[in-house]
Amino acid sequence: MKFNPCKDECTYDGTHCQGCGRSHQEIAETKKLVMAAVNFAEQQAYENIEDFADAIGKSILKKLQKARGAAF
């Protein structure tokens, strides 16, 4: 399955957003993940939030590549 980012054309009818095509369940779970990272950064009172967000993104990508045998 290919990830489709939000296009700010959100719809709430049915099981999937017509803007991005993702299921409403997937969108809700993604929001939970993002909010967990936001809450953690706020608890740590990071001043360099851009660096934190960049590091999280790179870490996720590295772990996914390792898990998939770098078959990207």
C-alpha atoms as a PDB file:
ATOM      1  CA  MET A   1       0.000   0.000   0.000  1.00  0.00           C
ATOM      2  CA  LYS A   2       1.252   3.477  -0.816  1.00  0.00           C
ATOM      3  CA  PHE A   3       1.009   6.281   1.759  1.00  0.00           C
ATOM      4  CA  ASN A   4      -0.933   9.330   0.617  1.00  0.00           C
ATOM      5  CA  PRO A   5      -0.390  12.513   2.637  1.00  0.00           C
ATOM      6  CA  CYS A   6      -3.202  14.847   3.587  1.00  0.00           C
ATOM      7  CA  LYS A   7      -4.169  17.336   0.872  1.00  0.00           C
ATOM      8  CA  ASP A   8      -6.347  19.500   3.151  1.00  0.00           C
ATOM      9  CA  GLU A   9      -9.413  18.255   1.261  1.00  0.00           C
ATOM     10  CA  CYS A  10     -10.729  16.146   4.137  1.00  0.00           C
ATOM     11  CA  THR A  11     -14.053  14.339   3.990  1.00  0.00           C
ATOM     12  CA  TYR A  12     -15.650  12.404   6.826  1.00  0.00           C
ATOM     13  CA  ASP A  13     -18.356  10.356   5.096  1.00  0.00           C
ATOM     14  CA  GLY A  14     -17.913   6.643   4.523  1.00  0.00           C
ATOM     15  CA  THR A  15     -14.815   4.723   5.543  1.00  0.00           C
ATOM     16  CA  HIS A  16     -12.189   6.696   3.606  1.00  0.00           C
ATOM     17  CA  CYS A  17     -11.283  10.350   3.129  1.00  0.00           C
ATOM     18  CA  GLN A  18     -11.971  11.430  -0.439  1.00  0.00           C
ATOM     19  CA  GLY A  19      -9.098  13.935  -0.263  1.00  0.00           C
ATOM     20  CA  CYS A  20      -6.217  11.542   0.457  1.00  0.00           C
ATOM     21  CA  GLY A  21      -7.884   8.143   0.108  1.00  0.00           C
ATOM     22  CA  ARG A  22      -6.740   6.908   3.521  1.00  0.00           C
ATOM     23  CA  SER A  23      -9.149   5.182   5.862  1.00  0.00           C
ATOM     24  CA  HIS A  24     -10.466   7.257   8.728  1.00  0.00           C
ATOM     25  CA  GLN A  25      -8.968   4.659  11.075  1.00  0.00           C
ATOM     26  CA  GLU A  26      -5.501   5.096   9.520  1.00  0.00           C
ATOM     27  CA  ILE A  27      -5.816   8.880   9.811  1.00  0.00           C
ATOM     28  CA  ALA A  28      -6.828   8.611  13.484  1.00  0.00           C
ATOM     29  CA  GLU A  29      -3.916   6.279  14.292  1.00  0.00           C
ATOM     30  CA  THR A  30      -1.460   8.562  12.490  1.00  0.00           C
ATOM     31  CA  LYS A  31      -2.744  11.531  14.490  1.00  0.00           C
ATOM     32  CA  LYS A  32      -2.161   9.547  17.712  1.00  0.00           C
ATOM     33  CA  LEU A  33       1.448   8.838  16.697  1.00  0.00           C
ATOM     34  CA  VAL A  34       2.099  12.469  15.836  1.00  0.00           C
ATOM     35  CA  MET A  35       0.521  13.714  19.062  1.00  0.00           C
ATOM     36  CA  ALA A  36       2.641  11.259  21.078  1.00  0.00           C
ATOM     37  CA  ALA A  37       5.786  12.777  19.536  1.00  0.00           C
ATOM     38  CA  VAL A  38       4.468  16.316  20.094  1.00  0.00           C
ATOM     39  CA  ASN A  39       3.637  15.586  23.730  1.00  0.00           C
ATOM     40  CA  PHE A  40       7.072  14.022  24.297  1.00  0.00           C
ATOM     41  CA  ALA A  41       8.854  17.032  22.789  1.00  0.00           C
ATOM     42  CA  GLU A  42       6.783  19.386  24.919  1.00  0.00           C
ATOM     43  CA  GLN A  43       7.542  17.384  28.079  1.00  0.00           C
ATOM     44  CA  GLN A  44      11.247  17.601  27.285  1.00  0.00           C
ATOM     45  CA  ALA A  45      10.903  21.337  26.564  1.00  0.00           C
ATOM     46  CA  TYR A  46      13.106  21.034  23.490  1.00  0.00           C
ATOM     47  CA  GLU A  47      14.144  24.405  22.125  1.00  0.00           C
ATOM     48  CA  ASN A  48      15.235  22.924  18.781  1.00  0.00           C
ATOM     49  CA  ILE A  49      11.991  21.254  17.725  1.00  0.00           C
ATOM     50  CA  GLU A  50      13.013  21.172  14.053  1.00  0.00           C
ATOM     51  CA  ASP A  51      16.022  19.018  14.939  1.00  0.00           C
ATOM     52  CA  PHE A  52      13.828  16.722  17.034  1.00  0.00           C
ATOM     53  CA  ALA A  53      11.280  16.276  14.222  1.00  0.00           C
ATOM     54  CA  ASP A  54      14.050  15.666  11.685  1.00  0.00           C
ATOM     55  CA  ALA A  55      15.741  13.094  13.938  1.00  0.00           C
ATOM     56  CA  ILE A  56      12.458  11.240  14.509  1.00  0.00           C
ATOM     57  CA  GLY A  57      11.790  11.084  10.766  1.00  0.00           C
ATOM     58  CA  LYS A  58      15.296   9.814  10.008  1.00  0.00           C
ATOM     59  CA  SER A  59      15.087   7.235  12.794  1.00  0.00           C
ATOM     60  CA  ILE A  60      11.762   5.893  11.517  1.00  0.00           C
ATOM     61  CA  LEU A  61      13.105   5.635   7.970  1.00  0.00           C
ATOM     62  CA  LYS A  62      16.293   3.877   9.116  1.00  0.00           C
ATOM     63  CA  LYS A  63      14.348   1.331  11.168  1.00  0.00           C
ATOM     64  CA  LEU A  64      11.886   0.646   8.334  1.00  0.00           C
ATOM     65  CA  GLN A  65      14.743   0.184   5.868  1.00  0.00           C
ATOM     66  CA  LYS A  66      16.463  -2.240   8.230  1.00  0.00           C
ATOM     67  CA  ALA A  67      13.222  -4.155   8.832  1.00  0.00           C
ATOM     68  CA  ARG A  68      12.612  -4.445   5.080  1.00  0.00           C
ATOM     69  CA  GLY A  69      16.205  -5.258   4.241  1.00  0.00           C
ATOM     70  CA  ALA A  70      16.738  -1.839   2.647  1.00  0.00           C
ATOM     71  CA  ALA A  71      14.419  -2.878  -0.204  1.00  0.00           C
ATOM     72  CA  PHE A  72      13.208   0.646  -0.917  1.00  0.00           C
END
